[in-house]
N, C-alpha and C. Protein backbone atom coordinates (compact mmCIF):
# COMPACT_ATOMS: atom_id res chain seq x y z
N MET A 1 0.82 -1.19 0.00
CA MET A 1 0.00 0.00 0.00
C MET A 1 0.87 1.26 0.00
N HIS A 2 2.04 1.17 0.61
CA HIS A 2 2.93 2.34 0.65
C HIS A 2 3.35 2.76 -0.75
N LYS A 3 3.60 1.79 -1.62
CA LYS A 3 3.99 2.12 -2.99
C LYS A 3 2.85 2.81 -3.71
N LEU A 4 1.64 2.33 -3.52
CA LEU A 4 0.48 2.97 -4.16
C LEU A 4 0.29 4.38 -3.64
N LYS A 5 0.44 4.54 -2.34
CA LYS A 5 0.27 5.86 -1.72
C LYS A 5 1.31 6.85 -2.23
N ALA A 6 2.53 6.39 -2.43
CA ALA A 6 3.61 7.26 -2.91
C ALA A 6 3.30 7.89 -4.26
N PHE A 7 2.53 7.18 -5.07
CA PHE A 7 2.18 7.69 -6.40
C PHE A 7 0.74 8.20 -6.47
N GLY A 8 0.07 8.30 -5.33
CA GLY A 8 -1.30 8.79 -5.30
C GLY A 8 -2.31 7.83 -5.89
N LEU A 9 -1.95 6.55 -5.96
CA LEU A 9 -2.83 5.55 -6.56
C LEU A 9 -3.72 4.84 -5.54
N ASP A 10 -3.44 5.03 -4.27
CA ASP A 10 -4.17 4.31 -3.23
C ASP A 10 -5.67 4.60 -3.24
N LYS A 11 -6.06 5.79 -3.70
CA LYS A 11 -7.49 6.12 -3.72
C LYS A 11 -8.25 5.34 -4.79
N TRP A 12 -7.53 4.72 -5.71
CA TRP A 12 -8.17 3.99 -6.81
C TRP A 12 -8.23 2.49 -6.56
N ILE A 13 -7.65 2.03 -5.48
CA ILE A 13 -7.57 0.60 -5.20
C ILE A 13 -8.38 0.26 -3.96
N ASP A 14 -9.27 -0.68 -4.08
CA ASP A 14 -10.05 -1.16 -2.94
C ASP A 14 -9.32 -2.38 -2.38
N VAL A 15 -8.51 -2.17 -1.37
CA VAL A 15 -7.70 -3.25 -0.82
C VAL A 15 -8.52 -4.32 -0.11
N GLU A 16 -9.76 -3.99 0.23
CA GLU A 16 -10.62 -4.97 0.90
C GLU A 16 -11.00 -6.14 -0.03
N VAL A 17 -10.99 -5.92 -1.33
CA VAL A 17 -11.43 -6.98 -2.24
C VAL A 17 -10.28 -7.61 -3.02
N GLY A 18 -9.10 -7.08 -2.93
CA GLY A 18 -7.98 -7.59 -3.70
C GLY A 18 -7.47 -8.92 -3.20
N GLY A 19 -6.53 -9.47 -3.95
CA GLY A 19 -5.85 -10.69 -3.55
C GLY A 19 -4.36 -10.40 -3.51
N TYR A 20 -3.71 -10.78 -2.44
CA TYR A 20 -2.32 -10.38 -2.24
C TYR A 20 -1.44 -11.58 -1.91
N GLY A 21 -0.18 -11.48 -2.29
CA GLY A 21 0.77 -12.57 -2.17
C GLY A 21 0.98 -13.11 -0.78
N GLU A 22 0.70 -12.32 0.25
CA GLU A 22 0.92 -12.81 1.60
C GLU A 22 -0.20 -13.73 2.09
N GLU A 23 -1.27 -13.87 1.30
CA GLU A 23 -2.35 -14.77 1.67
C GLU A 23 -1.95 -16.20 1.33
N VAL A 24 -2.61 -17.16 1.95
CA VAL A 24 -2.18 -18.56 1.87
C VAL A 24 -2.64 -19.30 0.62
N TYR A 25 -3.44 -18.69 -0.21
CA TYR A 25 -3.98 -19.37 -1.38
C TYR A 25 -2.97 -19.45 -2.52
N PRO A 26 -3.07 -20.51 -3.35
CA PRO A 26 -2.30 -20.51 -4.61
C PRO A 26 -2.81 -19.35 -5.47
N LYS A 27 -2.00 -18.89 -6.41
CA LYS A 27 -2.33 -17.69 -7.19
C LYS A 27 -3.69 -17.78 -7.90
N ALA A 28 -3.98 -18.86 -8.57
CA ALA A 28 -5.25 -18.97 -9.29
C ALA A 28 -6.43 -18.94 -8.32
N THR A 29 -6.29 -19.60 -7.20
CA THR A 29 -7.35 -19.60 -6.19
C THR A 29 -7.49 -18.21 -5.59
N LEU A 30 -6.39 -17.54 -5.36
CA LEU A 30 -6.41 -16.19 -4.81
C LEU A 30 -7.18 -15.25 -5.73
N LEU A 31 -7.00 -15.42 -7.02
CA LEU A 31 -7.74 -14.62 -7.99
C LEU A 31 -9.24 -14.87 -7.83
N GLN A 32 -9.62 -16.11 -7.70
CA GLN A 32 -11.04 -16.43 -7.53
C GLN A 32 -11.57 -15.92 -6.19
N VAL A 33 -10.75 -15.95 -5.16
CA VAL A 33 -11.14 -15.40 -3.85
C VAL A 33 -11.39 -13.89 -3.99
N ALA A 34 -10.50 -13.20 -4.69
CA ALA A 34 -10.67 -11.76 -4.90
C ALA A 34 -11.94 -11.46 -5.70
N GLN A 35 -12.22 -12.28 -6.71
CA GLN A 35 -13.45 -12.10 -7.49
C GLN A 35 -14.68 -12.29 -6.59
N GLY A 36 -14.62 -13.27 -5.70
CA GLY A 36 -15.72 -13.50 -4.76
C GLY A 36 -15.90 -12.34 -3.79
N ARG A 37 -14.80 -11.79 -3.30
CA ARG A 37 -14.86 -10.64 -2.41
C ARG A 37 -15.48 -9.44 -3.12
N ALA A 38 -15.07 -9.23 -4.36
CA ALA A 38 -15.60 -8.11 -5.14
C ALA A 38 -17.09 -8.30 -5.40
N LYS A 39 -17.50 -9.52 -5.69
CA LYS A 39 -18.93 -9.80 -5.91
C LYS A 39 -19.72 -9.49 -4.65
N ALA A 40 -19.20 -9.94 -3.50
CA ALA A 40 -19.90 -9.69 -2.24
C ALA A 40 -20.01 -8.20 -1.94
N ARG A 41 -18.99 -7.46 -2.26
CA ARG A 41 -18.97 -6.03 -1.94
C ARG A 41 -19.77 -5.20 -2.94
N TYR A 42 -19.67 -5.54 -4.23
CA TYR A 42 -20.26 -4.71 -5.27
C TYR A 42 -21.49 -5.31 -5.93
N GLY A 43 -21.79 -6.57 -5.65
CA GLY A 43 -22.98 -7.20 -6.20
C GLY A 43 -22.91 -7.54 -7.68
N ALA A 44 -21.73 -7.55 -8.24
CA ALA A 44 -21.54 -7.88 -9.66
C ALA A 44 -20.71 -9.15 -9.76
N VAL A 45 -20.90 -9.86 -10.86
CA VAL A 45 -20.12 -11.08 -11.11
C VAL A 45 -18.84 -10.66 -11.83
N PHE A 46 -17.71 -11.19 -11.39
CA PHE A 46 -16.42 -10.88 -11.99
C PHE A 46 -15.90 -12.11 -12.72
N THR A 47 -15.65 -11.93 -14.01
CA THR A 47 -15.25 -13.02 -14.90
C THR A 47 -14.02 -12.59 -15.70
N ALA A 48 -13.63 -13.43 -16.65
CA ALA A 48 -12.52 -13.08 -17.54
C ALA A 48 -12.84 -11.85 -18.37
N GLY A 49 -14.12 -11.54 -18.53
CA GLY A 49 -14.51 -10.37 -19.32
C GLY A 49 -14.37 -9.05 -18.60
N ASN A 50 -14.29 -9.09 -17.27
CA ASN A 50 -14.17 -7.83 -16.54
C ASN A 50 -13.14 -7.87 -15.41
N THR A 51 -12.29 -8.89 -15.44
CA THR A 51 -11.22 -9.01 -14.44
C THR A 51 -9.89 -9.06 -15.17
N VAL A 52 -8.95 -8.24 -14.71
CA VAL A 52 -7.61 -8.21 -15.31
C VAL A 52 -6.58 -8.44 -14.21
N LEU A 53 -5.74 -9.42 -14.41
CA LEU A 53 -4.62 -9.67 -13.51
C LEU A 53 -3.39 -9.03 -14.13
N ILE A 54 -2.65 -8.28 -13.35
CA ILE A 54 -1.40 -7.69 -13.80
C ILE A 54 -0.29 -8.34 -12.99
N GLY A 55 0.65 -8.96 -13.68
CA GLY A 55 1.73 -9.66 -13.00
C GLY A 55 2.96 -9.74 -13.87
N ASP A 56 4.03 -10.29 -13.31
CA ASP A 56 5.31 -10.28 -14.03
C ASP A 56 5.95 -11.65 -14.19
N SER A 57 5.15 -12.70 -14.04
CA SER A 57 5.75 -14.03 -14.18
C SER A 57 4.85 -14.94 -15.00
N THR A 58 5.44 -16.02 -15.50
CA THR A 58 4.65 -16.99 -16.23
C THR A 58 3.64 -17.67 -15.30
N ARG A 59 3.97 -17.77 -14.02
CA ARG A 59 3.01 -18.31 -13.04
C ARG A 59 1.81 -17.40 -12.91
N ASP A 60 2.01 -16.09 -13.01
CA ASP A 60 0.88 -15.16 -12.98
C ASP A 60 -0.01 -15.37 -14.20
N VAL A 61 0.60 -15.59 -15.36
CA VAL A 61 -0.16 -15.83 -16.58
C VAL A 61 -0.99 -17.11 -16.42
N GLN A 62 -0.39 -18.15 -15.89
CA GLN A 62 -1.11 -19.40 -15.67
C GLN A 62 -2.26 -19.20 -14.70
N ALA A 63 -2.03 -18.42 -13.64
CA ALA A 63 -3.08 -18.14 -12.66
C ALA A 63 -4.25 -17.42 -13.30
N ALA A 64 -3.97 -16.48 -14.18
CA ALA A 64 -5.05 -15.75 -14.87
C ALA A 64 -5.88 -16.71 -15.71
N LYS A 65 -5.21 -17.60 -16.43
CA LYS A 65 -5.91 -18.56 -17.28
C LYS A 65 -6.78 -19.49 -16.44
N ILE A 66 -6.23 -20.01 -15.37
CA ILE A 66 -6.96 -20.95 -14.51
C ILE A 66 -8.06 -20.23 -13.73
N GLY A 67 -7.73 -19.05 -13.22
CA GLY A 67 -8.64 -18.33 -12.33
C GLY A 67 -9.74 -17.55 -13.02
N GLY A 68 -9.62 -17.33 -14.31
CA GLY A 68 -10.67 -16.62 -15.03
C GLY A 68 -10.46 -15.13 -15.08
N ALA A 69 -9.37 -14.70 -15.69
CA ALA A 69 -9.09 -13.27 -15.83
C ALA A 69 -8.29 -13.04 -17.10
N ALA A 70 -8.41 -11.84 -17.64
CA ALA A 70 -7.52 -11.43 -18.71
C ALA A 70 -6.17 -11.13 -18.07
N MET A 71 -5.10 -11.13 -18.86
CA MET A 71 -3.76 -11.00 -18.30
C MET A 71 -2.94 -9.93 -18.97
N ILE A 72 -2.45 -8.99 -18.16
CA ILE A 72 -1.43 -8.04 -18.61
C ILE A 72 -0.15 -8.45 -17.91
N ALA A 73 0.80 -8.90 -18.69
CA ALA A 73 2.08 -9.32 -18.14
C ALA A 73 3.07 -8.17 -18.29
N VAL A 74 3.91 -8.02 -17.29
CA VAL A 74 4.88 -6.95 -17.27
C VAL A 74 6.27 -7.57 -17.25
N ALA A 75 7.06 -7.24 -18.27
CA ALA A 75 8.38 -7.86 -18.42
C ALA A 75 9.45 -7.13 -17.61
N SER A 76 9.12 -6.80 -16.37
CA SER A 76 10.10 -6.13 -15.52
C SER A 76 10.60 -7.06 -14.42
N GLY A 77 10.15 -8.30 -14.45
CA GLY A 77 10.59 -9.29 -13.47
C GLY A 77 11.57 -10.26 -14.10
N ARG A 78 11.54 -11.49 -13.65
CA ARG A 78 12.47 -12.51 -14.16
C ARG A 78 12.07 -13.04 -15.53
N SER A 79 10.77 -12.99 -15.86
CA SER A 79 10.30 -13.53 -17.14
C SER A 79 10.47 -12.50 -18.25
N THR A 80 10.90 -12.97 -19.41
CA THR A 80 11.08 -12.08 -20.55
C THR A 80 9.75 -11.87 -21.28
N SER A 81 9.70 -10.87 -22.14
CA SER A 81 8.50 -10.62 -22.95
C SER A 81 8.11 -11.87 -23.73
N ALA A 82 9.09 -12.51 -24.34
CA ALA A 82 8.83 -13.72 -25.13
C ALA A 82 8.25 -14.83 -24.26
N GLU A 83 8.78 -15.03 -23.09
CA GLU A 83 8.27 -16.07 -22.19
C GLU A 83 6.83 -15.77 -21.76
N LEU A 84 6.55 -14.51 -21.49
CA LEU A 84 5.21 -14.12 -21.07
C LEU A 84 4.20 -14.29 -22.21
N GLN A 85 4.61 -13.92 -23.41
CA GLN A 85 3.74 -14.11 -24.57
C GLN A 85 3.49 -15.59 -24.82
N GLU A 86 4.55 -16.37 -24.77
CA GLU A 86 4.44 -17.81 -24.99
C GLU A 86 3.54 -18.46 -23.94
N ALA A 87 3.56 -17.94 -22.72
CA ALA A 87 2.72 -18.48 -21.64
C ALA A 87 1.24 -18.16 -21.87
N GLY A 88 0.96 -17.16 -22.73
CA GLY A 88 -0.42 -16.86 -23.06
C GLY A 88 -0.95 -15.53 -22.56
N ALA A 89 -0.07 -14.62 -22.18
CA ALA A 89 -0.53 -13.30 -21.73
C ALA A 89 -1.29 -12.60 -22.85
N ASP A 90 -2.35 -11.90 -22.49
CA ASP A 90 -3.13 -11.17 -23.49
C ASP A 90 -2.36 -9.96 -24.01
N ILE A 91 -1.69 -9.28 -23.10
CA ILE A 91 -0.88 -8.10 -23.45
C ILE A 91 0.39 -8.18 -22.63
N VAL A 92 1.52 -7.83 -23.24
CA VAL A 92 2.79 -7.77 -22.53
C VAL A 92 3.31 -6.34 -22.62
N LEU A 93 3.58 -5.75 -21.47
CA LEU A 93 4.16 -4.40 -21.40
C LEU A 93 5.59 -4.52 -20.90
N PRO A 94 6.47 -3.61 -21.33
CA PRO A 94 7.85 -3.67 -20.85
C PRO A 94 7.97 -3.33 -19.36
N ASP A 95 7.09 -2.43 -18.88
CA ASP A 95 7.08 -2.02 -17.48
C ASP A 95 5.78 -1.25 -17.24
N LEU A 96 5.63 -0.68 -16.06
CA LEU A 96 4.42 0.07 -15.73
C LEU A 96 4.69 1.57 -15.65
N SER A 97 5.72 2.02 -16.31
CA SER A 97 6.12 3.43 -16.19
C SER A 97 5.20 4.40 -16.92
N ASN A 98 4.38 3.89 -17.84
CA ASN A 98 3.48 4.75 -18.60
C ASN A 98 2.04 4.46 -18.18
N PRO A 99 1.48 5.25 -17.26
CA PRO A 99 0.13 4.97 -16.77
C PRO A 99 -0.92 4.94 -17.87
N SER A 100 -0.79 5.79 -18.87
CA SER A 100 -1.76 5.80 -19.97
C SER A 100 -1.76 4.47 -20.72
N GLU A 101 -0.58 3.90 -20.88
CA GLU A 101 -0.45 2.60 -21.56
C GLU A 101 -1.12 1.50 -20.74
N VAL A 102 -0.95 1.55 -19.43
CA VAL A 102 -1.56 0.55 -18.55
C VAL A 102 -3.09 0.67 -18.59
N VAL A 103 -3.60 1.89 -18.47
CA VAL A 103 -5.04 2.12 -18.51
C VAL A 103 -5.61 1.67 -19.85
N ALA A 104 -4.92 1.99 -20.94
CA ALA A 104 -5.38 1.58 -22.27
C ALA A 104 -5.41 0.06 -22.39
N ALA A 105 -4.43 -0.61 -21.82
CA ALA A 105 -4.39 -2.07 -21.87
C ALA A 105 -5.56 -2.68 -21.10
N VAL A 106 -5.84 -2.14 -19.93
CA VAL A 106 -6.98 -2.63 -19.14
C VAL A 106 -8.27 -2.39 -19.91
N ALA A 107 -8.42 -1.20 -20.46
CA ALA A 107 -9.64 -0.88 -21.23
C ALA A 107 -9.79 -1.82 -22.42
N ARG A 108 -8.70 -2.09 -23.08
CA ARG A 108 -8.75 -2.99 -24.25
C ARG A 108 -9.24 -4.38 -23.87
N LEU A 109 -8.83 -4.84 -22.70
CA LEU A 109 -9.20 -6.19 -22.27
C LEU A 109 -10.59 -6.27 -21.64
N THR A 110 -11.17 -5.14 -21.29
CA THR A 110 -12.47 -5.16 -20.60
C THR A 110 -13.58 -4.49 -21.40
N THR A 111 -13.28 -3.99 -22.59
CA THR A 111 -14.30 -3.40 -23.45
C THR A 111 -14.90 -4.52 -24.29
N PRO A 112 -16.21 -4.76 -24.14
CA PRO A 112 -16.83 -5.91 -24.81
C PRO A 112 -16.55 -6.03 -26.31
N ALA A 113 -16.59 -4.95 -27.05
CA ALA A 113 -16.39 -5.02 -28.49
C ALA A 113 -14.97 -5.42 -28.85
N ASP A 114 -14.01 -5.12 -27.98
CA ASP A 114 -12.61 -5.37 -28.29
C ASP A 114 -12.12 -6.72 -27.76
N ARG A 115 -12.85 -7.37 -26.87
CA ARG A 115 -12.35 -8.61 -26.28
C ARG A 115 -12.11 -9.69 -27.31
N THR A 116 -12.84 -9.67 -28.38
CA THR A 116 -12.66 -10.72 -29.39
C THR A 116 -11.42 -10.48 -30.25
N THR A 117 -10.82 -9.30 -30.15
CA THR A 117 -9.66 -9.00 -30.98
C THR A 117 -8.35 -9.03 -30.21
N ARG A 118 -8.37 -9.42 -28.95
CA ARG A 118 -7.13 -9.41 -28.21
C ARG A 118 -6.34 -10.57 -28.58
């Protein structure tokens, strides 16, 4: 949360419904737990059509596929762009330094008309 606060992003994140690495669930299950929390809080169903996982490993890509989410992979960790693409990421970004690029990627993956072209 400190990192989000440093960039003024904390007001846009509902930490009550998220899924975080310190929890005991495997990644794919954690994604489904977060979707369930969001459903309970907001009364909407969260699926691959309106859920985006952002991560930096091939394990994150696998979790998105298993857990039911679109995937934005970020090649700033140990996995290369090629590895992330090969694992099945919907979009691969070099890093998260361009907020407009990140927002556009999320919009592309969650806009109904565009989901068929990703």
